Amino acid sequence: MSDSRLDSPYARLNYRRLIAWPARIEREGPFLERQLALAPQPSVIDLGCGTGEHARHLASRGFRTVGVDRSSALIAEAREYQGEFPPCGPDFVCGDLTELAALTDERFGAAICLGNVLPHLEDAALEAMLEAVASRLHGNGRLVLQIINYERVLSRDERHLPLNFRAHPERPEDEIVFLRLMKRDGARHVRFFPSTLALRPGEEPPLTIEATKEIRLRAWRLSELEAVVAKRGLSIDGRYGDMSLTAFDAEDSTDLILTATLDTEASA
């Protein structure tokens, strides 16, 4: 059920090694734990879990955790670093987010979908995913969605995300540069160009491309996400610009984070 089109962009980029995960988990962990504390049950499904850093953190905090991703390569890496927190997991499942009922028969107290997962879904796919999520949540279950603030990206015609620098895994004297370029593609999409460059001081050439990919993303705006979420019986109760609870500002926020609760009737 994996999709090689989604395997290659991030697997080849060594995504796990390009993000400062300890700092990110330290920054985001308290917010996520507060949201999960409001759930009717201490369990969570991580949608688009990638290499599993959030899932492992939440399992270590005592939440029964399952991670799901379409990329077989990322799931394989997540399992390699699975951790040992039974019966909390985390367990990792490869499959389509729109087909959760076929992937697990568990119901969860909460669902999270973090990072740049949602923009890979067009309108019908996002509706199908949220319908599937609703079917896997207990009544009053929590949902946390996080994406880049595409309203700001589109209004400012922003062309890149911040650069990341990491030590090269094979040549400690060199660095890997994680470059994420963007180009607007109509009113509702952007072209995304995640790339890794090798910076080799003193060499010729000093900068080379190690991996690069072009991906077309759905640039979801707040009003569009709100409409789709509400259609699936989820009541939005939080709109944030970051995980320190800063209120969302369409012009200034870097991220958009929505929190919602599943109506009891919708879970029946």
C-alpha atoms as a PDB file:
ATOM      1  CA  MET A   1       0.000   0.000   0.000  1.00  0.00           C
ATOM      2  CA  SER A   2       3.010   2.272  -0.102  1.00  0.00           C
ATOM      3  CA  ASP A   3       3.371   4.873  -2.796  1.00  0.00           C
ATOM      4  CA  SER A   4       6.856   5.209  -4.278  1.00  0.00           C
ATOM      5  CA  ARG A   5       6.071   8.781  -5.271  1.00  0.00           C
ATOM      6  CA  LEU A   6       5.893   9.615  -1.570  1.00  0.00           C
ATOM      7  CA  ASP A   7       8.752   7.303  -0.608  1.00  0.00           C
ATOM      8  CA  SER A   8      11.377   8.963  -2.752  1.00  0.00           C
ATOM      9  CA  PRO A   9      11.182  12.679  -1.845  1.00  0.00           C
ATOM     10  CA  TYR A  10      11.767  12.238   1.868  1.00  0.00           C
ATOM     11  CA  ALA A  11      13.471   8.860   2.111  1.00  0.00           C
ATOM     12  CA  ARG A  12      16.223   9.917  -0.302  1.00  0.00           C
ATOM     13  CA  LEU A  13      16.646  13.200   1.567  1.00  0.00           C
ATOM     14  CA  ASN A  14      17.402  11.392   4.852  1.00  0.00           C
ATOM     15  CA  TYR A  15      14.608  13.435   6.417  1.00  0.00           C
ATOM     16  CA  ARG A  16      15.176  12.099   9.933  1.00  0.00           C
ATOM     17  CA  ARG A  17      18.717  13.469   9.964  1.00  0.00           C
ATOM     18  CA  LEU A  18      17.777  16.896   8.625  1.00  0.00           C
ATOM     19  CA  ILE A  19      15.462  18.003  11.438  1.00  0.00           C
ATOM     20  CA  ALA A  20      16.669  19.048  14.898  1.00  0.00           C
ATOM     21  CA  TRP A  21      14.358  16.515  16.513  1.00  0.00           C
ATOM     22  CA  PRO A  22      15.370  16.853  20.184  1.00  0.00           C
ATOM     23  CA  ALA A  23      14.760  20.606  20.066  1.00  0.00           C
ATOM     24  CA  ARG A  24      11.511  20.160  18.154  1.00  0.00           C
ATOM     25  CA  ILE A  25      10.172  17.534  20.578  1.00  0.00           C
ATOM     26  CA  GLU A  26      11.136  19.726  23.530  1.00  0.00           C
ATOM     27  CA  ARG A  27       9.262  22.621  21.920  1.00  0.00           C
ATOM     28  CA  GLU A  28       6.147  20.698  20.827  1.00  0.00           C
ATOM     29  CA  GLY A  29       5.870  17.931  23.426  1.00  0.00           C
ATOM     30  CA  PRO A  30       4.185  19.955  26.207  1.00  0.00           C
ATOM     31  CA  PHE A  31       1.480  21.258  23.843  1.00  0.00           C
ATOM     32  CA  LEU A  32       0.717  17.783  22.518  1.00  0.00           C
ATOM     33  CA  GLU A  33       0.598  16.285  25.998  1.00  0.00           C
ATOM     34  CA  ARG A  34      -1.827  19.001  27.132  1.00  0.00           C
ATOM     35  CA  GLN A  35      -4.090  18.238  24.179  1.00  0.00           C
ATOM     36  CA  LEU A  36      -3.968  14.497  24.807  1.00  0.00           C
ATOM     37  CA  ALA A  37      -4.757  15.058  28.476  1.00  0.00           C
ATOM     38  CA  LEU A  38      -8.153  16.352  27.288  1.00  0.00           C
ATOM     39  CA  ALA A  39      -8.844  13.131  25.370  1.00  0.00           C
ATOM     40  CA  PRO A  40     -11.270  10.514  26.702  1.00  0.00           C
ATOM     41  CA  GLN A  41      -8.564   7.838  26.601  1.00  0.00           C
ATOM     42  CA  PRO A  42      -4.710   7.982  26.761  1.00  0.00           C
ATOM     43  CA  SER A  43      -4.150   6.724  23.221  1.00  0.00           C
ATOM     44  CA  VAL A  44      -3.192   8.477  19.990  1.00  0.00           C
ATOM     45  CA  ILE A  45      -2.797   7.711  16.301  1.00  0.00           C
ATOM     46  CA  ASP A  46      -0.066   9.713  14.548  1.00  0.00           C
ATOM     47  CA  LEU A  47      -1.154  10.375  10.951  1.00  0.00           C
ATOM     48  CA  GLY A  48       1.756  10.740   8.537  1.00  0.00           C
ATOM     49  CA  CYS A  49       4.174   9.750  11.293  1.00  0.00           C
ATOM     50  CA  GLY A  50       7.262   9.764   9.066  1.00  0.00           C
ATOM     51  CA  THR A  51      10.208   8.310  10.958  1.00  0.00           C
ATOM     52  CA  GLY A  52       8.234   8.255  14.205  1.00  0.00           C
ATOM     53  CA  GLU A  53       9.808  10.851  16.491  1.00  0.00           C
ATOM     54  CA  HIS A  54       6.521  12.212  17.839  1.00  0.00           C
ATOM     55  CA  ALA A  55       5.090   8.706  18.222  1.00  0.00           C
ATOM     56  CA  ARG A  56       8.094   7.529  20.236  1.00  0.00           C
ATOM     57  CA  HIS A  57       7.946  10.587  22.473  1.00  0.00           C
ATOM     58  CA  LEU A  58       4.242  10.136  23.225  1.00  0.00           C
ATOM     59  CA  ALA A  59       4.700   6.421  23.877  1.00  0.00           C
ATOM     60  CA  SER A  60       7.470   7.268  26.330  1.00  0.00           C
ATOM     61  CA  ARG A  61       4.997   9.522  28.135  1.00  0.00           C
ATOM     62  CA  GLY A  62       2.554   6.652  28.607  1.00  0.00           C
ATOM     63  CA  PHE A  63       0.171   7.163  25.680  1.00  0.00           C
ATOM     64  CA  ARG A  64      -0.774   4.080  23.668  1.00  0.00           C
ATOM     65  CA  THR A  65       0.577   5.137  20.261  1.00  0.00           C
ATOM     66  CA  VAL A  66       0.243   3.963  16.656  1.00  0.00           C
ATOM     67  CA  GLY A  67       1.946   5.721  13.742  1.00  0.00           C
ATOM     68  CA  VAL A  68       0.680   5.477  10.158  1.00  0.00           C
ATOM     69  CA  ASP A  69       2.431   6.597   6.976  1.00  0.00           C
ATOM     70  CA  ARG A  70       2.146   5.796   3.260  1.00  0.00           C
ATOM     71  CA  SER A  71       5.892   5.671   2.804  1.00  0.00           C
ATOM     72  CA  SER A  72       7.263   2.162   3.305  1.00  0.00           C
ATOM     73  CA  ALA A  73      10.788   3.591   3.507  1.00  0.00           C
ATOM     74  CA  LEU A  74       9.902   5.978   6.349  1.00  0.00           C
ATOM     75  CA  ILE A  75       7.948   3.286   8.199  1.00  0.00           C
ATOM     76  CA  ALA A  76      10.931   0.935   7.918  1.00  0.00           C
ATOM     77  CA  GLU A  77      13.140   3.608   9.481  1.00  0.00           C
ATOM     78  CA  ALA A  78      10.549   4.288  12.208  1.00  0.00           C
ATOM     79  CA  ARG A  79      10.518   0.593  13.101  1.00  0.00           C
ATOM     80  CA  GLU A  80      14.311   0.532  13.204  1.00  0.00           C
ATOM     81  CA  TYR A  81      14.192   3.081  16.035  1.00  0.00           C
ATOM     82  CA  GLN A  82      10.914   1.793  17.456  1.00  0.00           C
ATOM     83  CA  GLY A  83      11.749   2.011  21.136  1.00  0.00           C
ATOM     84  CA  GLU A  84      10.464  -0.195  23.945  1.00  0.00           C
ATOM     85  CA  PHE A  85       7.377   1.122  25.721  1.00  0.00           C
ATOM     86  CA  PRO A  86       4.916  -1.842  25.752  1.00  0.00           C
ATOM     87  CA  PRO A  87       1.958  -1.834  25.861  1.00  0.00           C
ATOM     88  CA  CYS A  88       2.160   1.813  24.758  1.00  0.00           C
ATOM     89  CA  GLY A  89       3.994   0.952  21.553  1.00  0.00           C
ATOM     90  CA  PRO A  90       4.676   2.769  19.420  1.00  0.00           C
ATOM     91  CA  ASP A  91       3.473   0.487  16.648  1.00  0.00           C
ATOM     92  CA  PHE A  92       3.993   1.569  13.041  1.00  0.00           C
ATOM     93  CA  VAL A  93       1.685   0.726  10.141  1.00  0.00           C
ATOM     94  CA  CYS A  94       2.258   1.378   6.444  1.00  0.00           C
ATOM     95  CA  GLY A  95      -0.867   2.433   4.580  1.00  0.00           C
ATOM     96  CA  ASP A  96      -3.101   5.146   3.182  1.00  0.00           C
ATOM     97  CA  LEU A  97      -4.476   7.664   5.685  1.00  0.00           C
ATOM     98  CA  THR A  98      -7.876   7.493   3.982  1.00  0.00           C
ATOM     99  CA  GLU A  99      -8.135   3.770   4.808  1.00  0.00           C
ATOM    100  CA  LEU A 100      -7.541   3.727   8.559  1.00  0.00           C
ATOM    101  CA  ALA A 101     -10.428   1.338   9.222  1.00  0.00           C
ATOM    102  CA  ALA A 102      -8.645  -1.257   7.084  1.00  0.00           C
ATOM    103  CA  LEU A 103      -5.319  -0.661   8.845  1.00  0.00           C
ATOM    104  CA  THR A 104      -6.382  -0.851  12.474  1.00  0.00           C
ATOM    105  CA  ASP A 105      -9.495  -1.827  14.390  1.00  0.00           C
ATOM    106  CA  GLU A 106      -8.428   0.221  17.422  1.00  0.00           C
ATOM    107  CA  ARG A 107     -10.197   3.365  18.543  1.00  0.00           C
ATOM    108  CA  PHE A 108      -8.120   6.171  19.965  1.00  0.00           C
ATOM    109  CA  GLY A 109      -8.560   9.042  22.329  1.00  0.00           C
ATOM    110  CA  ALA A 110      -6.776  11.407  19.967  1.00  0.00           C
ATOM    111  CA  ALA A 111      -5.279  11.808  16.507  1.00  0.00           C
ATOM    112  CA  ILE A 112      -2.424  14.075  15.472  1.00  0.00           C
ATOM    113  CA  CYS A 113      -1.317  15.092  11.989  1.00  0.00           C
ATOM    114  CA  LEU A 114       1.821  17.226  12.114  1.00  0.00           C
ATOM    115  CA  GLY A 115       4.297  18.811   9.740  1.00  0.00           C
ATOM    116  CA  ASN A 116       3.663  18.970   6.018  1.00  0.00           C
ATOM    117  CA  VAL A 117       1.322  15.960   5.713  1.00  0.00           C
ATOM    118  CA  LEU A 118      -2.027  17.607   4.892  1.00  0.00           C
ATOM    119  CA  PRO A 119      -0.753  19.529   1.833  1.00  0.00           C
ATOM    120  CA  HIS A 120      -0.107  16.159   0.145  1.00  0.00           C
ATOM    121  CA  LEU A 121      -3.885  15.627   0.194  1.00  0.00           C
ATOM    122  CA  GLU A 122      -6.245  17.219  -2.313  1.00  0.00           C
ATOM    123  CA  ASP A 123      -9.805  18.100  -1.316  1.00  0.00           C
ATOM    124  CA  ALA A 124     -11.487  14.698  -1.734  1.00  0.00           C
ATOM    125  CA  ALA A 125      -8.567  12.885  -0.086  1.00  0.00           C
ATOM    126  CA  LEU A 126      -8.590  15.190   2.941  1.00  0.00           C
ATOM    127  CA  GLU A 127     -12.331  14.695   3.376  1.00  0.00           C
ATOM    128  CA  ALA A 128     -11.854  10.937   3.162  1.00  0.00           C
ATOM    129  CA  MET A 129      -9.007  11.039   5.671  1.00  0.00           C
ATOM    130  CA  LEU A 130     -11.016  13.039   8.207  1.00  0.00           C
ATOM    131  CA  GLU A 131     -13.967  10.694   7.779  1.00  0.00           C
ATOM    132  CA  ALA A 132     -11.620   7.777   8.445  1.00  0.00           C
ATOM    133  CA  VAL A 133     -10.154   9.560  11.472  1.00  0.00           C
ATOM    134  CA  ALA A 134     -13.628  10.164  12.910  1.00  0.00           C
ATOM    135  CA  SER A 135     -14.327   6.441  12.594  1.00  0.00           C
ATOM    136  CA  ARG A 136     -11.210   5.629  14.666  1.00  0.00           C
ATOM    137  CA  LEU A 137     -11.795   8.139  17.499  1.00  0.00           C
ATOM    138  CA  HIS A 138     -13.799   7.666  20.654  1.00  0.00           C
ATOM    139  CA  GLY A 139     -16.573  10.174  21.313  1.00  0.00           C
ATOM    140  CA  ASN A 140     -15.072  13.508  22.421  1.00  0.00           C
ATOM    141  CA  GLY A 141     -11.778  12.389  20.910  1.00  0.00           C
ATOM    142  CA  ARG A 142      -9.189  15.078  20.202  1.00  0.00           C
ATOM    143  CA  LEU A 143      -7.676  16.058  16.845  1.00  0.00           C
ATOM    144  CA  VAL A 144      -4.545  18.180  16.362  1.00  0.00           C
ATOM    145  CA  LEU A 145      -3.630  19.396  12.861  1.00  0.00           C
ATOM    146  CA  GLN A 146      -0.457  21.337  12.061  1.00  0.00           C
ATOM    147  CA  ILE A 147       0.680  22.770   8.724  1.00  0.00           C
ATOM    148  CA  ILE A 148       2.706  25.660   7.388  1.00  0.00           C
ATOM    149  CA  ASN A 149       0.709  28.899   7.278  1.00  0.00           C
ATOM    150  CA  TYR A 150       0.042  28.905   3.549  1.00  0.00           C
ATOM    151  CA  GLU A 151      -2.019  32.101   3.773  1.00  0.00           C
ATOM    152  CA  ARG A 152       1.185  33.928   4.633  1.00  0.00           C
ATOM    153  CA  VAL A 153       3.184  31.993   2.011  1.00  0.00           C
ATOM    154  CA  LEU A 154       0.720  32.898  -0.743  1.00  0.00           C
ATOM    155  CA  SER A 155       0.071  36.501   0.293  1.00  0.00           C
ATOM    156  CA  ARG A 156       3.806  37.282   0.574  1.00  0.00           C
ATOM    157  CA  ASP A 157       4.807  35.023  -2.309  1.00  0.00           C
ATOM    158  CA  GLU A 158       7.398  33.448  -0.036  1.00  0.00           C
ATOM    159  CA  ARG A 159       9.893  31.320  -1.923  1.00  0.00           C
ATOM    160  CA  HIS A 160      11.654  29.301   0.764  1.00  0.00           C
ATOM    161  CA  LEU A 161      11.558  27.946   4.301  1.00  0.00           C
ATOM    162  CA  PRO A 162      14.484  28.479   6.718  1.00  0.00           C
ATOM    163  CA  LEU A 163      17.732  26.693   5.905  1.00  0.00           C
ATOM    164  CA  ASN A 164      18.862  23.776   8.062  1.00  0.00           C
ATOM    165  CA  PHE A 165      22.514  22.828   8.479  1.00  0.00           C
ATOM    166  CA  ARG A 166      23.683  19.434   9.758  1.00  0.00           C
ATOM    167  CA  ALA A 167      27.004  17.626   9.972  1.00  0.00           C
ATOM    168  CA  HIS A 168      27.514  15.327   7.002  1.00  0.00           C
ATOM    169  CA  PRO A 169      26.925  11.705   8.170  1.00  0.00           C
ATOM    170  CA  GLU A 170      29.889  10.351   6.191  1.00  0.00           C
ATOM    171  CA  ARG A 171      32.281  13.324   6.135  1.00  0.00           C
ATOM    172  CA  PRO A 172      32.323  15.135   9.513  1.00  0.00           C
ATOM    173  CA  GLU A 173      34.323  18.035   8.088  1.00  0.00           C
ATOM    174  CA  ASP A 174      31.504  18.779   5.629  1.00  0.00           C
ATOM    175  CA  GLU A 175      27.891  19.887   6.124  1.00  0.00           C
ATOM    176  CA  ILE A 176      24.504  18.995   4.695  1.00  0.00           C
ATOM    177  CA  VAL A 177      22.299  21.976   3.810  1.00  0.00           C
ATOM    178  CA  PHE A 178      18.554  21.266   3.772  1.00  0.00           C
ATOM    179  CA  LEU A 179      17.067  23.661   1.225  1.00  0.00           C
ATOM    180  CA  ARG A 180      13.267  23.970   0.830  1.00  0.00           C
ATOM    181  CA  LEU A 181      12.259  26.178  -2.069  1.00  0.00           C
ATOM    182  CA  MET A 182       8.681  26.997  -3.052  1.00  0.00           C
ATOM    183  CA  LYS A 183       6.966  28.476  -6.062  1.00  0.00           C
ATOM    184  CA  ARG A 184       3.321  29.484  -6.238  1.00  0.00           C
ATOM    185  CA  ASP A 185       1.226  27.347  -8.589  1.00  0.00           C
ATOM    186  CA  GLY A 186      -2.163  29.008  -9.050  1.00  0.00           C
ATOM    187  CA  ALA A 187      -4.474  30.081  -6.216  1.00  0.00           C
ATOM    188  CA  ARG A 188      -4.434  26.886  -4.153  1.00  0.00           C
ATOM    189  CA  HIS A 189      -1.130  25.099  -4.769  1.00  0.00           C
ATOM    190  CA  VAL A 190       2.608  25.524  -4.454  1.00  0.00           C
ATOM    191  CA  ARG A 191       5.468  23.639  -6.023  1.00  0.00           C
ATOM    192  CA  PHE A 192       7.779  22.406  -3.276  1.00  0.00           C
ATOM    193  CA  PHE A 193      11.447  21.611  -3.967  1.00  0.00           C
ATOM    194  CA  PRO A 194      13.058  19.872  -0.957  1.00  0.00           C
ATOM    195  CA  SER A 195      16.753  19.427  -1.636  1.00  0.00           C
ATOM    196  CA  THR A 196      19.926  18.494   0.192  1.00  0.00           C
ATOM    197  CA  LEU A 197      23.235  20.099  -0.698  1.00  0.00           C
ATOM    198  CA  ALA A 198      26.714  19.100   0.438  1.00  0.00           C
ATOM    199  CA  LEU A 199      28.842  22.028   1.600  1.00  0.00           C
ATOM    200  CA  ARG A 200      32.517  21.086   1.241  1.00  0.00           C
ATOM    201  CA  PRO A 201      34.828  23.943   2.268  1.00  0.00           C
ATOM    202  CA  GLY A 202      38.101  23.937   0.378  1.00  0.00           C
ATOM    203  CA  GLU A 203      36.816  21.564  -2.313  1.00  0.00           C
ATOM    204  CA  GLU A 204      35.925  22.302  -5.907  1.00  0.00           C
ATOM    205  CA  PRO A 205      33.048  22.666  -6.359  1.00  0.00           C
ATOM    206  CA  PRO A 206      32.372  23.634  -2.742  1.00  0.00           C
ATOM    207  CA  LEU A 207      28.607  23.018  -3.043  1.00  0.00           C
ATOM    208  CA  THR A 208      26.973  20.010  -4.706  1.00  0.00           C
ATOM    209  CA  ILE A 209      23.420  18.668  -4.909  1.00  0.00           C
ATOM    210  CA  GLU A 210      22.975  15.331  -3.133  1.00  0.00           C
ATOM    211  CA  ALA A 211      19.208  14.922  -3.615  1.00  0.00           C
ATOM    212  CA  THR A 212      16.341  17.038  -4.915  1.00  0.00           C
ATOM    213  CA  LYS A 213      12.668  16.571  -5.734  1.00  0.00           C
ATOM    214  CA  GLU A 214       9.641  18.532  -6.956  1.00  0.00           C
ATOM    215  CA  ILE A 215       6.282  17.985  -5.222  1.00  0.00           C
ATOM    216  CA  ARG A 216       2.974  19.742  -5.863  1.00  0.00           C
ATOM    217  CA  LEU A 217       1.259  20.638  -2.589  1.00  0.00           C
ATOM    218  CA  ARG A 218      -2.256  21.784  -1.743  1.00  0.00           C
ATOM    219  CA  ALA A 219      -1.816  25.113   0.065  1.00  0.00           C
ATOM    220  CA  TRP A 220      -4.598  24.777   2.635  1.00  0.00           C
ATOM    221  CA  ARG A 221      -5.900  28.003   4.154  1.00  0.00           C
ATOM    222  CA  LEU A 222      -7.586  28.311   7.553  1.00  0.00           C
ATOM    223  CA  SER A 223     -11.111  28.795   6.209  1.00  0.00           C
ATOM    224  CA  GLU A 224     -10.772  25.781   3.900  1.00  0.00           C
ATOM    225  CA  LEU A 225      -9.528  23.502   6.677  1.00  0.00           C
ATOM    226  CA  GLU A 226     -12.239  24.711   9.033  1.00  0.00           C
ATOM    227  CA  ALA A 227     -14.946  23.849   6.521  1.00  0.00           C
ATOM    228  CA  VAL A 228     -13.644  20.323   5.881  1.00  0.00           C
ATOM    229  CA  VAL A 229     -13.087  19.592   9.577  1.00  0.00           C
ATOM    230  CA  ALA A 230     -16.578  20.771  10.529  1.00  0.00           C
ATOM    231  CA  LYS A 231     -18.178  18.523   7.886  1.00  0.00           C
ATOM    232  CA  ARG A 232     -16.800  15.472   9.698  1.00  0.00           C
ATOM    233  CA  GLY A 233     -18.432  16.186  13.044  1.00  0.00           C
ATOM    234  CA  LEU A 234     -15.381  17.841  14.598  1.00  0.00           C
ATOM    235  CA  SER A 235     -15.792  21.057  16.571  1.00  0.00           C
ATOM    236  CA  ILE A 236     -12.753  23.350  16.357  1.00  0.00           C
ATOM    237  CA  ASP A 237     -11.775  24.848  19.706  1.00  0.00           C
ATOM    238  CA  GLY A 238      -8.274  26.184  19.052  1.00  0.00           C
ATOM    239  CA  ARG A 239      -6.459  28.114  16.318  1.00  0.00           C
ATOM    240  CA  TYR A 240      -2.788  28.697  17.049  1.00  0.00           C
ATOM    241  CA  GLY A 241       0.252  30.068  15.270  1.00  0.00           C
ATOM    242  CA  ASP A 242       2.665  27.857  17.189  1.00  0.00           C
ATOM    243  CA  MET A 243       2.714  25.316  20.003  1.00  0.00           C
ATOM    244  CA  SER A 244       3.306  27.941  22.669  1.00  0.00           C
ATOM    245  CA  LEU A 245      -0.415  28.807  22.317  1.00  0.00           C
ATOM    246  CA  THR A 246       0.139  32.042  20.369  1.00  0.00           C
ATOM    247  CA  ALA A 247      -3.095  32.966  18.594  1.00  0.00           C
ATOM    248  CA  PHE A 248      -3.062  32.336  14.859  1.00  0.00           C
ATOM    249  CA  ASP A 249      -2.403  35.407  12.693  1.00  0.00           C
ATOM    250  CA  ALA A 250      -2.911  34.846   8.969  1.00  0.00           C
ATOM    251  CA  GLU A 251      -0.302  37.442   8.015  1.00  0.00           C
ATOM    252  CA  ASP A 252       2.422  36.737  10.565  1.00  0.00           C
ATOM    253  CA  SER A 253       2.200  33.190  11.934  1.00  0.00           C
ATOM    254  CA  THR A 254       4.669  30.672  10.563  1.00  0.00           C
ATOM    255  CA  ASP A 255       2.384  27.708  11.276  1.00  0.00           C
ATOM    256  CA  LEU A 256      -1.310  26.978  11.532  1.00  0.00           C
ATOM    257  CA  ILE A 257      -2.415  24.589  14.283  1.00  0.00           C
ATOM    258  CA  LEU A 258      -6.036  23.536  14.722  1.00  0.00           C
ATOM    259  CA  THR A 259      -7.421  21.579  17.660  1.00  0.00           C
ATOM    260  CA  ALA A 260     -10.863  19.992  17.589  1.00  0.00           C
ATOM    261  CA  THR A 261     -13.132  17.606  19.463  1.00  0.00           C
ATOM    262  CA  LEU A 262     -15.200  14.877  17.843  1.00  0.00           C
ATOM    263  CA  ASP A 263     -18.908  15.190  18.598  1.00  0.00           C
ATOM    264  CA  THR A 264     -20.161  12.121  20.432  1.00  0.00           C
ATOM    265  CA  GLU A 265     -22.853  11.475  17.803  1.00  0.00           C
ATOM    266  CA  ALA A 266     -20.293  11.530  14.987  1.00  0.00           C
ATOM    267  CA  SER A 267     -18.335   8.710  16.600  1.00  0.00           C
ATOM    268  CA  ALA A 268     -21.290   6.334  16.742  1.00  0.00           C
END
